[in-house]
């Protein structure tokens, strides 16, 4: 849910480009990354972007306003292919408010972004997975997160905070029940 393997692949591509002195541009490296995985082009290029297609069509967007992000991974994994199969079986029509998120980014409106955070995959999780994700989201919101959602195909959940003290308190509270809890900021 946080593109760990894809970011590793992007780092290898960047490293090989440097070590071999191949001289490929970031766009050329991203094109190579398409063959490795859907999220690799984004991980090569970075920044805030709208990803379309399989993830290879990237449109740069304004950066996320300054904030604090709390990440919490529950103690289970989710198979991305299995999640896509479930999504395809259910023929869901739910979609995130992409235009609203883009407008909020244009305005530098963190609350507007947070209020529009939505992950379609949450609807096709198993009942156990859904309960655990909801428990984490609720804990984040009760701790002061402006919004909370599962990241990508999960299971990591993220919460956006505008105050560092609240984010740090959320981390401490979540660490009582979860091992993998992190505080970060957008770069």
N, C-alpha and C. Protein backbone atom coordinates (compact mmCIF):
# COMPACT_ATOMS: atom_id res chain seq x y z
N UNK A 1 0.79 -1.20 0.00
CA UNK A 1 0.00 0.00 0.00
C UNK A 1 0.83 1.27 0.00
N UNK A 2 2.16 1.14 0.16
CA UNK A 2 3.01 2.33 0.14
C UNK A 2 4.13 2.20 -0.89
N UNK A 3 3.95 1.32 -1.85
CA UNK A 3 4.89 1.17 -2.98
C UNK A 3 6.30 0.81 -2.54
N UNK A 4 6.43 0.00 -1.52
CA UNK A 4 7.76 -0.39 -1.02
C UNK A 4 8.60 -1.08 -2.07
N UNK A 5 8.06 -2.09 -2.74
CA UNK A 5 8.81 -2.80 -3.78
C UNK A 5 9.08 -1.90 -4.97
N UNK A 6 8.11 -1.06 -5.30
CA UNK A 6 8.29 -0.14 -6.44
C UNK A 6 9.35 0.90 -6.15
N UNK A 7 9.40 1.39 -4.91
CA UNK A 7 10.43 2.39 -4.59
C UNK A 7 11.80 1.73 -4.58
N UNK A 8 11.87 0.46 -4.16
CA UNK A 8 13.14 -0.27 -4.24
C UNK A 8 13.58 -0.41 -5.70
N UNK A 9 12.64 -0.77 -6.58
CA UNK A 9 12.96 -0.92 -8.00
C UNK A 9 13.42 0.41 -8.60
N UNK A 10 12.75 1.50 -8.22
CA UNK A 10 13.14 2.82 -8.72
C UNK A 10 14.55 3.18 -8.25
N UNK A 11 14.86 2.86 -7.01
CA UNK A 11 16.21 3.15 -6.48
C UNK A 11 17.26 2.35 -7.23
N UNK A 12 16.95 1.09 -7.56
CA UNK A 12 17.89 0.26 -8.32
C UNK A 12 18.10 0.87 -9.71
N UNK A 13 17.02 1.27 -10.37
CA UNK A 13 17.15 1.89 -11.69
C UNK A 13 17.99 3.15 -11.64
N UNK A 14 17.73 4.00 -10.65
CA UNK A 14 18.51 5.24 -10.51
C UNK A 14 19.98 4.92 -10.22
N UNK A 15 20.20 3.94 -9.34
CA UNK A 15 21.57 3.56 -9.01
C UNK A 15 22.32 3.00 -10.21
N UNK A 16 21.66 2.12 -10.97
CA UNK A 16 22.29 1.55 -12.17
C UNK A 16 22.58 2.64 -13.20
N UNK A 17 21.66 3.59 -13.33
CA UNK A 17 21.85 4.69 -14.26
C UNK A 17 23.11 5.47 -13.90
N UNK A 18 23.32 5.69 -12.61
CA UNK A 18 24.50 6.42 -12.15
C UNK A 18 25.76 5.57 -12.29
N UNK A 19 25.70 4.31 -11.80
CA UNK A 19 26.89 3.44 -11.82
C UNK A 19 27.38 3.12 -13.23
N UNK A 20 26.45 2.94 -14.14
CA UNK A 20 26.83 2.59 -15.52
C UNK A 20 27.05 3.83 -16.39
N UNK A 21 26.76 5.00 -15.81
CA UNK A 21 26.86 6.26 -16.54
C UNK A 21 26.04 6.22 -17.83
N UNK A 22 24.86 5.58 -17.73
CA UNK A 22 23.97 5.45 -18.90
C UNK A 22 23.42 6.80 -19.35
N UNK A 23 23.25 7.73 -18.42
CA UNK A 23 22.79 9.06 -18.77
C UNK A 23 21.32 9.16 -19.12
N UNK A 24 20.51 8.20 -18.67
CA UNK A 24 19.08 8.26 -18.96
C UNK A 24 18.43 9.37 -18.14
N UNK A 25 17.51 10.08 -18.77
CA UNK A 25 16.76 11.13 -18.07
C UNK A 25 15.77 10.47 -17.12
N UNK A 26 15.24 11.21 -16.15
CA UNK A 26 14.21 10.63 -15.28
C UNK A 26 13.02 10.07 -16.07
N UNK A 27 12.59 10.76 -17.12
CA UNK A 27 11.47 10.26 -17.94
C UNK A 27 11.84 8.94 -18.62
N UNK A 28 13.08 8.83 -19.11
CA UNK A 28 13.52 7.58 -19.74
C UNK A 28 13.58 6.45 -18.71
N UNK A 29 14.06 6.76 -17.51
CA UNK A 29 14.09 5.75 -16.44
C UNK A 29 12.68 5.33 -16.06
N UNK A 30 11.75 6.28 -16.01
CA UNK A 30 10.36 5.97 -15.69
C UNK A 30 9.78 5.03 -16.74
N UNK A 31 10.14 5.23 -18.00
CA UNK A 31 9.66 4.36 -19.09
C UNK A 31 10.17 2.93 -18.89
N UNK A 32 11.44 2.80 -18.50
CA UNK A 32 12.00 1.48 -18.19
C UNK A 32 11.24 0.88 -17.01
N UNK A 33 10.94 1.72 -16.01
CA UNK A 33 10.24 1.27 -14.82
C UNK A 33 8.85 0.73 -15.08
N UNK A 34 8.20 1.19 -16.15
CA UNK A 34 6.87 0.69 -16.52
C UNK A 34 6.87 -0.82 -16.70
N UNK A 35 7.99 -1.35 -17.20
CA UNK A 35 8.09 -2.79 -17.45
C UNK A 35 8.25 -3.58 -16.16
N UNK A 36 8.68 -2.89 -15.11
CA UNK A 36 8.94 -3.55 -13.83
C UNK A 36 7.70 -3.57 -12.95
N UNK A 37 6.96 -2.47 -12.89
CA UNK A 37 5.77 -2.40 -12.05
C UNK A 37 5.03 -1.10 -12.25
N UNK A 38 3.74 -1.13 -11.96
CA UNK A 38 2.87 0.02 -12.21
C UNK A 38 3.26 1.28 -11.45
N UNK A 39 3.77 1.13 -10.22
CA UNK A 39 4.11 2.29 -9.40
C UNK A 39 5.55 2.76 -9.61
N UNK A 40 6.34 2.02 -10.36
CA UNK A 40 7.76 2.36 -10.49
C UNK A 40 7.96 3.72 -11.18
N UNK A 41 7.23 4.04 -12.26
CA UNK A 41 7.44 5.36 -12.87
C UNK A 41 7.24 6.50 -11.87
N UNK A 42 6.19 6.40 -11.06
CA UNK A 42 5.97 7.44 -10.05
C UNK A 42 7.14 7.50 -9.07
N UNK A 43 7.61 6.35 -8.63
CA UNK A 43 8.70 6.32 -7.66
C UNK A 43 10.00 6.85 -8.26
N UNK A 44 10.17 6.73 -9.55
CA UNK A 44 11.35 7.31 -10.22
C UNK A 44 11.23 8.83 -10.24
N UNK A 45 10.05 9.34 -10.59
CA UNK A 45 9.86 10.78 -10.78
C UNK A 45 9.55 11.51 -9.48
N UNK A 46 8.77 10.90 -8.59
CA UNK A 46 8.43 11.50 -7.31
C UNK A 46 7.52 12.70 -7.42
N UNK A 47 7.37 13.41 -6.31
CA UNK A 47 6.51 14.58 -6.26
C UNK A 47 5.06 14.21 -6.08
N UNK A 48 4.19 15.18 -6.22
CA UNK A 48 2.75 14.95 -6.16
C UNK A 48 2.27 14.84 -7.59
N UNK A 49 1.53 13.78 -7.89
CA UNK A 49 1.11 13.56 -9.27
C UNK A 49 -0.21 12.80 -9.32
N UNK A 50 -0.95 13.02 -10.40
CA UNK A 50 -2.12 12.23 -10.72
C UNK A 50 -1.63 11.06 -11.55
N UNK A 51 -1.91 9.84 -11.10
CA UNK A 51 -1.51 8.64 -11.83
C UNK A 51 -2.73 8.07 -12.55
N UNK A 52 -2.57 7.82 -13.83
CA UNK A 52 -3.66 7.25 -14.63
C UNK A 52 -3.12 6.05 -15.39
N UNK A 53 -4.03 5.37 -16.12
CA UNK A 53 -3.64 4.14 -16.80
C UNK A 53 -3.37 3.08 -15.75
N UNK A 54 -2.25 2.39 -15.87
CA UNK A 54 -1.84 1.43 -14.84
C UNK A 54 -1.00 2.12 -13.77
N UNK A 55 -0.82 3.44 -13.92
CA UNK A 55 0.03 4.19 -13.02
C UNK A 55 1.18 4.83 -13.76
N UNK A 56 1.29 4.53 -15.05
CA UNK A 56 2.41 5.02 -15.85
C UNK A 56 2.17 6.41 -16.45
N UNK A 57 0.91 6.86 -16.49
CA UNK A 57 0.60 8.18 -17.03
C UNK A 57 0.54 9.14 -15.85
N UNK A 58 1.54 10.00 -15.75
CA UNK A 58 1.67 10.87 -14.58
C UNK A 58 1.54 12.34 -14.97
N UNK A 59 0.67 13.04 -14.24
CA UNK A 59 0.51 14.48 -14.43
C UNK A 59 0.94 15.15 -13.13
N UNK A 60 1.99 15.98 -13.17
CA UNK A 60 2.43 16.66 -11.95
C UNK A 60 1.33 17.56 -11.38
N UNK A 61 1.24 17.58 -10.05
CA UNK A 61 0.27 18.42 -9.34
C UNK A 61 1.01 19.29 -8.32
N UNK A 62 0.34 20.32 -7.81
CA UNK A 62 0.97 21.11 -6.75
C UNK A 62 1.25 20.20 -5.54
N UNK A 63 2.27 20.52 -4.78
CA UNK A 63 2.60 19.66 -3.63
C UNK A 63 1.52 19.69 -2.55
N UNK A 64 1.49 18.64 -1.76
CA UNK A 64 0.62 18.59 -0.60
C UNK A 64 1.05 19.70 0.35
N UNK A 65 0.11 20.45 0.90
CA UNK A 65 0.51 21.50 1.85
C UNK A 65 1.29 20.90 3.03
N UNK A 66 2.09 21.70 3.70
CA UNK A 66 2.84 21.19 4.85
C UNK A 66 1.91 20.49 5.85
N UNK A 67 2.32 19.31 6.28
CA UNK A 67 1.49 18.55 7.20
C UNK A 67 2.32 17.42 7.81
N UNK A 68 1.69 16.65 8.64
CA UNK A 68 2.31 15.49 9.27
C UNK A 68 1.47 14.28 8.88
N UNK A 69 2.14 13.20 8.54
CA UNK A 69 1.45 12.00 8.09
C UNK A 69 1.81 10.87 9.05
N UNK A 70 0.78 10.26 9.61
CA UNK A 70 0.98 9.08 10.46
C UNK A 70 0.60 7.86 9.64
N UNK A 71 1.52 6.90 9.58
CA UNK A 71 1.30 5.64 8.86
C UNK A 71 1.21 4.52 9.87
N UNK A 72 0.25 3.63 9.69
CA UNK A 72 0.10 2.48 10.58
C UNK A 72 -0.24 1.25 9.74
N UNK A 73 0.61 0.22 9.86
CA UNK A 73 0.38 -1.03 9.12
C UNK A 73 -0.11 -2.09 10.08
N UNK A 74 -1.31 -2.62 9.82
CA UNK A 74 -1.80 -3.72 10.66
C UNK A 74 -0.97 -4.99 10.41
N UNK A 75 -1.10 -5.97 11.28
CA UNK A 75 -0.24 -7.16 11.19
C UNK A 75 -0.71 -8.21 10.16
N UNK A 76 -1.10 -7.79 8.99
CA UNK A 76 -1.46 -8.72 7.92
C UNK A 76 -1.11 -8.07 6.60
N UNK A 77 -1.04 -8.88 5.57
CA UNK A 77 -0.76 -8.38 4.22
C UNK A 77 -2.01 -8.53 3.37
N UNK A 78 -2.02 -7.81 2.27
CA UNK A 78 -3.13 -7.90 1.31
C UNK A 78 -2.52 -8.16 -0.06
N UNK A 79 -3.07 -9.13 -0.76
CA UNK A 79 -2.62 -9.43 -2.11
C UNK A 79 -3.24 -8.43 -3.08
N UNK A 80 -2.40 -7.65 -3.75
CA UNK A 80 -2.91 -6.67 -4.71
C UNK A 80 -3.69 -7.35 -5.84
N UNK A 81 -3.16 -8.43 -6.46
CA UNK A 81 -3.95 -9.09 -7.51
C UNK A 81 -5.31 -9.61 -6.99
N UNK A 82 -5.33 -10.14 -5.78
CA UNK A 82 -6.59 -10.64 -5.22
C UNK A 82 -7.57 -9.49 -5.01
N UNK A 83 -7.07 -8.35 -4.56
CA UNK A 83 -7.93 -7.18 -4.34
C UNK A 83 -8.52 -6.71 -5.66
N UNK A 84 -7.71 -6.67 -6.73
CA UNK A 84 -8.22 -6.28 -8.04
C UNK A 84 -9.26 -7.28 -8.54
N UNK A 85 -9.04 -8.58 -8.30
CA UNK A 85 -10.03 -9.59 -8.71
C UNK A 85 -11.36 -9.35 -8.00
N UNK A 86 -11.31 -9.07 -6.69
CA UNK A 86 -12.54 -8.78 -5.94
C UNK A 86 -13.23 -7.54 -6.48
N UNK A 87 -12.44 -6.51 -6.76
CA UNK A 87 -13.00 -5.27 -7.31
C UNK A 87 -13.71 -5.56 -8.63
N UNK A 88 -13.04 -6.33 -9.51
CA UNK A 88 -13.62 -6.64 -10.82
C UNK A 88 -14.90 -7.46 -10.68
N UNK A 89 -14.94 -8.40 -9.72
CA UNK A 89 -16.13 -9.22 -9.52
C UNK A 89 -17.32 -8.39 -9.07
N UNK A 90 -17.09 -7.42 -8.23
CA UNK A 90 -18.19 -6.63 -7.65
C UNK A 90 -18.65 -5.51 -8.56
N UNK A 91 -17.86 -5.19 -9.58
CA UNK A 91 -18.21 -4.13 -10.53
C UNK A 91 -18.69 -2.87 -9.80
N UNK A 92 -17.89 -2.43 -8.86
CA UNK A 92 -18.22 -1.25 -8.06
C UNK A 92 -18.14 0.01 -8.91
N UNK A 93 -18.95 0.97 -8.58
CA UNK A 93 -18.98 2.24 -9.31
C UNK A 93 -18.38 3.38 -8.49
N UNK A 94 -17.96 3.10 -7.26
CA UNK A 94 -17.41 4.16 -6.41
C UNK A 94 -16.12 4.71 -7.00
N UNK A 95 -15.96 6.00 -6.89
CA UNK A 95 -14.75 6.65 -7.38
C UNK A 95 -14.38 7.77 -6.42
N UNK A 96 -13.08 8.03 -6.27
CA UNK A 96 -12.68 9.17 -5.43
C UNK A 96 -12.99 10.49 -6.14
N UNK A 97 -13.03 11.56 -5.37
CA UNK A 97 -13.28 12.90 -5.90
C UNK A 97 -11.95 13.48 -6.38
N UNK A 98 -11.44 12.96 -7.48
CA UNK A 98 -10.13 13.37 -8.00
C UNK A 98 -10.11 14.86 -8.32
N UNK A 99 -11.15 15.36 -8.98
CA UNK A 99 -11.18 16.79 -9.33
C UNK A 99 -11.18 17.65 -8.07
N UNK A 100 -11.89 17.22 -7.04
CA UNK A 100 -11.92 17.96 -5.78
C UNK A 100 -10.57 17.97 -5.09
N UNK A 101 -9.88 16.83 -5.12
CA UNK A 101 -8.54 16.76 -4.52
C UNK A 101 -7.58 17.67 -5.29
N UNK A 102 -7.66 17.62 -6.61
CA UNK A 102 -6.78 18.46 -7.43
C UNK A 102 -7.05 19.94 -7.16
N UNK A 103 -8.31 20.33 -7.03
CA UNK A 103 -8.65 21.72 -6.76
C UNK A 103 -8.13 22.13 -5.38
N UNK A 104 -8.27 21.24 -4.40
CA UNK A 104 -7.77 21.54 -3.05
C UNK A 104 -6.24 21.70 -3.07
N UNK A 105 -5.55 20.86 -3.83
CA UNK A 105 -4.10 21.00 -3.95
C UNK A 105 -3.74 22.34 -4.58
N UNK A 106 -4.47 22.71 -5.62
CA UNK A 106 -4.23 24.00 -6.29
C UNK A 106 -4.36 25.16 -5.31
N UNK A 107 -5.30 25.03 -4.38
CA UNK A 107 -5.56 26.10 -3.41
C UNK A 107 -4.70 25.98 -2.16
N UNK A 108 -3.90 24.91 -2.07
CA UNK A 108 -3.10 24.70 -0.87
C UNK A 108 -3.96 24.39 0.34
N UNK A 109 -5.09 23.73 0.12
CA UNK A 109 -6.11 23.48 1.13
C UNK A 109 -5.96 22.06 1.70
N UNK A 110 -5.20 21.91 2.78
CA UNK A 110 -4.98 20.60 3.39
C UNK A 110 -6.29 19.98 3.87
N UNK A 111 -7.15 20.77 4.47
CA UNK A 111 -8.44 20.23 4.95
C UNK A 111 -9.26 19.72 3.77
N UNK A 112 -9.25 20.47 2.66
CA UNK A 112 -9.96 20.03 1.46
C UNK A 112 -9.44 18.72 0.92
N UNK A 113 -8.13 18.54 0.95
CA UNK A 113 -7.54 17.27 0.51
C UNK A 113 -7.97 16.16 1.47
N UNK A 114 -7.82 16.41 2.77
CA UNK A 114 -8.12 15.39 3.78
C UNK A 114 -9.57 14.94 3.73
N UNK A 115 -10.47 15.86 3.50
CA UNK A 115 -11.90 15.52 3.47
C UNK A 115 -12.26 14.68 2.25
N UNK A 116 -11.41 14.68 1.25
CA UNK A 116 -11.69 13.94 0.02
C UNK A 116 -10.90 12.63 -0.08
N UNK A 117 -10.14 12.31 0.95
CA UNK A 117 -9.37 11.06 0.91
C UNK A 117 -10.34 9.89 0.89
N UNK A 118 -10.13 8.99 -0.06
CA UNK A 118 -11.06 7.88 -0.25
C UNK A 118 -10.33 6.77 -0.99
N UNK A 119 -10.51 5.55 -0.58
CA UNK A 119 -9.86 4.43 -1.24
C UNK A 119 -10.92 3.41 -1.60
N UNK A 120 -11.12 3.19 -2.90
CA UNK A 120 -12.15 2.29 -3.38
C UNK A 120 -11.91 0.84 -2.93
N UNK A 121 -10.67 0.49 -2.68
CA UNK A 121 -10.37 -0.89 -2.29
C UNK A 121 -10.88 -1.25 -0.91
N UNK A 122 -11.14 -0.27 -0.07
CA UNK A 122 -11.66 -0.58 1.27
C UNK A 122 -12.98 -1.33 1.19
N UNK A 123 -13.75 -1.10 0.12
CA UNK A 123 -15.06 -1.73 -0.03
C UNK A 123 -14.98 -3.23 -0.34
N UNK A 124 -13.83 -3.72 -0.79
CA UNK A 124 -13.74 -5.13 -1.16
C UNK A 124 -12.79 -5.92 -0.25
N UNK A 125 -12.44 -5.35 0.89
CA UNK A 125 -11.62 -6.08 1.85
C UNK A 125 -12.46 -7.17 2.50
N UNK A 126 -11.80 -8.15 3.08
CA UNK A 126 -12.53 -9.16 3.85
C UNK A 126 -13.11 -8.47 5.08
N UNK A 127 -14.13 -9.05 5.70
CA UNK A 127 -14.68 -8.41 6.91
C UNK A 127 -13.63 -8.17 7.99
N UNK A 128 -12.73 -9.12 8.22
CA UNK A 128 -11.68 -8.94 9.23
C UNK A 128 -10.77 -7.77 8.85
N UNK A 129 -10.34 -7.73 7.59
CA UNK A 129 -9.46 -6.65 7.14
C UNK A 129 -10.16 -5.30 7.27
N UNK A 130 -11.42 -5.24 6.86
CA UNK A 130 -12.17 -3.99 6.90
C UNK A 130 -12.30 -3.49 8.34
N UNK A 131 -12.59 -4.40 9.29
CA UNK A 131 -12.70 -4.00 10.70
C UNK A 131 -11.38 -3.40 11.21
N UNK A 132 -10.27 -4.05 10.86
CA UNK A 132 -8.95 -3.59 11.33
C UNK A 132 -8.61 -2.23 10.73
N UNK A 133 -8.87 -2.06 9.45
CA UNK A 133 -8.61 -0.78 8.78
C UNK A 133 -9.47 0.31 9.40
N UNK A 134 -10.74 0.02 9.63
CA UNK A 134 -11.65 1.00 10.25
C UNK A 134 -11.21 1.35 11.67
N UNK A 135 -10.71 0.37 12.40
CA UNK A 135 -10.23 0.63 13.77
C UNK A 135 -9.08 1.63 13.74
N UNK A 136 -8.15 1.43 12.83
CA UNK A 136 -7.00 2.35 12.72
C UNK A 136 -7.46 3.73 12.26
N UNK A 137 -8.32 3.78 11.25
CA UNK A 137 -8.82 5.07 10.76
C UNK A 137 -9.54 5.83 11.89
N UNK A 138 -10.36 5.14 12.65
CA UNK A 138 -11.08 5.76 13.75
C UNK A 138 -10.11 6.30 14.79
N UNK A 139 -9.07 5.52 15.12
CA UNK A 139 -8.08 5.98 16.10
C UNK A 139 -7.38 7.24 15.61
N UNK A 140 -7.03 7.28 14.33
CA UNK A 140 -6.37 8.46 13.77
C UNK A 140 -7.29 9.69 13.83
N UNK A 141 -8.53 9.50 13.43
CA UNK A 141 -9.48 10.62 13.44
C UNK A 141 -9.74 11.12 14.86
N UNK A 142 -9.88 10.18 15.79
CA UNK A 142 -10.10 10.59 17.18
C UNK A 142 -8.89 11.31 17.76
N UNK A 143 -7.71 11.01 17.22
CA UNK A 143 -6.48 11.67 17.69
C UNK A 143 -6.28 13.05 17.05
N UNK A 144 -7.15 13.40 16.11
CA UNK A 144 -7.05 14.73 15.50
C UNK A 144 -6.68 14.75 14.04
N UNK A 145 -6.62 13.60 13.39
CA UNK A 145 -6.33 13.59 11.95
C UNK A 145 -7.44 14.32 11.21
N UNK A 146 -7.06 15.07 10.19
CA UNK A 146 -8.03 15.76 9.35
C UNK A 146 -8.74 14.79 8.42
N UNK A 147 -8.09 13.68 8.12
CA UNK A 147 -8.65 12.63 7.28
C UNK A 147 -7.79 11.39 7.42
N UNK A 148 -8.37 10.24 7.12
CA UNK A 148 -7.64 8.98 7.20
C UNK A 148 -8.18 8.02 6.15
N UNK A 149 -7.28 7.24 5.56
CA UNK A 149 -7.67 6.28 4.55
C UNK A 149 -6.61 5.19 4.43
N UNK A 150 -6.99 4.09 3.81
CA UNK A 150 -6.01 3.06 3.49
C UNK A 150 -5.20 3.54 2.30
N UNK A 151 -3.91 3.25 2.29
CA UNK A 151 -3.03 3.66 1.20
C UNK A 151 -3.00 2.58 0.12
N UNK A 152 -3.24 2.96 -1.11
CA UNK A 152 -3.13 2.03 -2.24
C UNK A 152 -3.93 0.76 -2.02
N UNK A 153 -3.28 -0.38 -2.25
CA UNK A 153 -3.95 -1.66 -2.05
C UNK A 153 -3.77 -2.17 -0.62
N UNK A 154 -3.28 -1.29 0.25
CA UNK A 154 -3.21 -1.60 1.67
C UNK A 154 -2.11 -2.56 2.04
N UNK A 155 -2.10 -2.91 3.31
CA UNK A 155 -3.06 -2.56 4.34
C UNK A 155 -2.70 -1.30 5.14
N UNK A 156 -1.59 -0.61 4.79
CA UNK A 156 -1.18 0.56 5.56
C UNK A 156 -2.25 1.64 5.50
N UNK A 157 -2.50 2.24 6.66
CA UNK A 157 -3.48 3.32 6.78
C UNK A 157 -2.71 4.60 7.07
N UNK A 158 -3.16 5.71 6.49
CA UNK A 158 -2.49 6.98 6.77
C UNK A 158 -3.50 8.00 7.27
N UNK A 159 -3.00 8.88 8.11
CA UNK A 159 -3.79 10.00 8.61
C UNK A 159 -3.02 11.29 8.39
N UNK A 160 -3.72 12.34 7.93
CA UNK A 160 -3.11 13.65 7.72
C UNK A 160 -3.39 14.55 8.92
N UNK A 161 -2.35 15.16 9.44
CA UNK A 161 -2.46 16.05 10.59
C UNK A 161 -1.89 17.42 10.23
N UNK A 162 -2.50 18.46 10.78
CA UNK A 162 -1.93 19.80 10.60
C UNK A 162 -1.12 20.22 11.81
N UNK A 163 -1.14 19.41 12.86
CA UNK A 163 -0.38 19.72 14.08
C UNK A 163 0.54 18.56 14.45
N UNK A 164 1.82 18.87 14.64
CA UNK A 164 2.81 17.85 14.98
C UNK A 164 2.51 17.19 16.32
N UNK A 165 2.08 17.97 17.31
CA UNK A 165 1.83 17.40 18.64
C UNK A 165 0.72 16.34 18.58
N UNK A 166 -0.33 16.61 17.81
CA UNK A 166 -1.41 15.62 17.67
C UNK A 166 -0.93 14.38 16.92
N UNK A 167 -0.12 14.58 15.91
CA UNK A 167 0.42 13.45 15.16
C UNK A 167 1.29 12.57 16.05
N UNK A 168 2.14 13.20 16.87
CA UNK A 168 3.00 12.43 17.78
C UNK A 168 2.16 11.66 18.82
N UNK A 169 1.11 12.28 19.31
CA UNK A 169 0.22 11.59 20.25
C UNK A 169 -0.46 10.40 19.58
N UNK A 170 -0.85 10.56 18.32
CA UNK A 170 -1.49 9.47 17.58
C UNK A 170 -0.52 8.30 17.43
N UNK A 171 0.74 8.61 17.12
CA UNK A 171 1.76 7.56 16.99
C UNK A 171 1.87 6.78 18.30
N UNK A 172 1.98 7.50 19.41
CA UNK A 172 2.12 6.83 20.71
C UNK A 172 0.90 5.96 21.03
N UNK A 173 -0.29 6.47 20.74
CA UNK A 173 -1.51 5.70 21.00
C UNK A 173 -1.57 4.45 20.14
N UNK A 174 -1.25 4.58 18.86
CA UNK A 174 -1.29 3.41 17.96
C UNK A 174 -0.22 2.39 18.30
N UNK A 175 0.92 2.84 18.80
CA UNK A 175 1.99 1.90 19.15
C UNK A 175 1.61 0.98 20.30
N UNK A 176 0.54 1.29 21.02
CA UNK A 176 0.06 0.39 22.07
C UNK A 176 -0.49 -0.89 21.47
N UNK A 177 -0.98 -0.83 20.22
CA UNK A 177 -1.59 -2.00 19.58
C UNK A 177 -0.90 -2.46 18.30
N UNK A 178 -0.03 -1.61 17.73
CA UNK A 178 0.58 -1.94 16.45
C UNK A 178 2.09 -1.71 16.50
N UNK A 179 2.83 -2.55 15.80
CA UNK A 179 4.29 -2.44 15.76
C UNK A 179 4.75 -1.42 14.73
N UNK A 180 4.15 -1.44 13.56
CA UNK A 180 4.59 -0.60 12.44
C UNK A 180 3.79 0.70 12.38
N UNK A 181 4.27 1.70 13.13
CA UNK A 181 3.63 3.02 13.17
C UNK A 181 4.72 4.06 12.96
N UNK A 182 4.48 4.99 12.03
CA UNK A 182 5.52 5.95 11.66
C UNK A 182 4.94 7.35 11.52
N UNK A 183 5.75 8.33 11.79
CA UNK A 183 5.41 9.73 11.58
C UNK A 183 6.34 10.29 10.53
N UNK A 184 5.80 10.96 9.53
CA UNK A 184 6.60 11.53 8.47
C UNK A 184 5.97 12.82 7.98
N UNK A 185 6.64 13.46 7.06
CA UNK A 185 6.13 14.67 6.40
C UNK A 185 6.36 14.54 4.90
N UNK A 186 5.53 15.20 4.09
CA UNK A 186 5.76 15.15 2.65
C UNK A 186 7.05 15.90 2.29
N UNK A 187 7.73 15.42 1.26
CA UNK A 187 8.94 16.09 0.77
C UNK A 187 8.75 16.49 -0.67
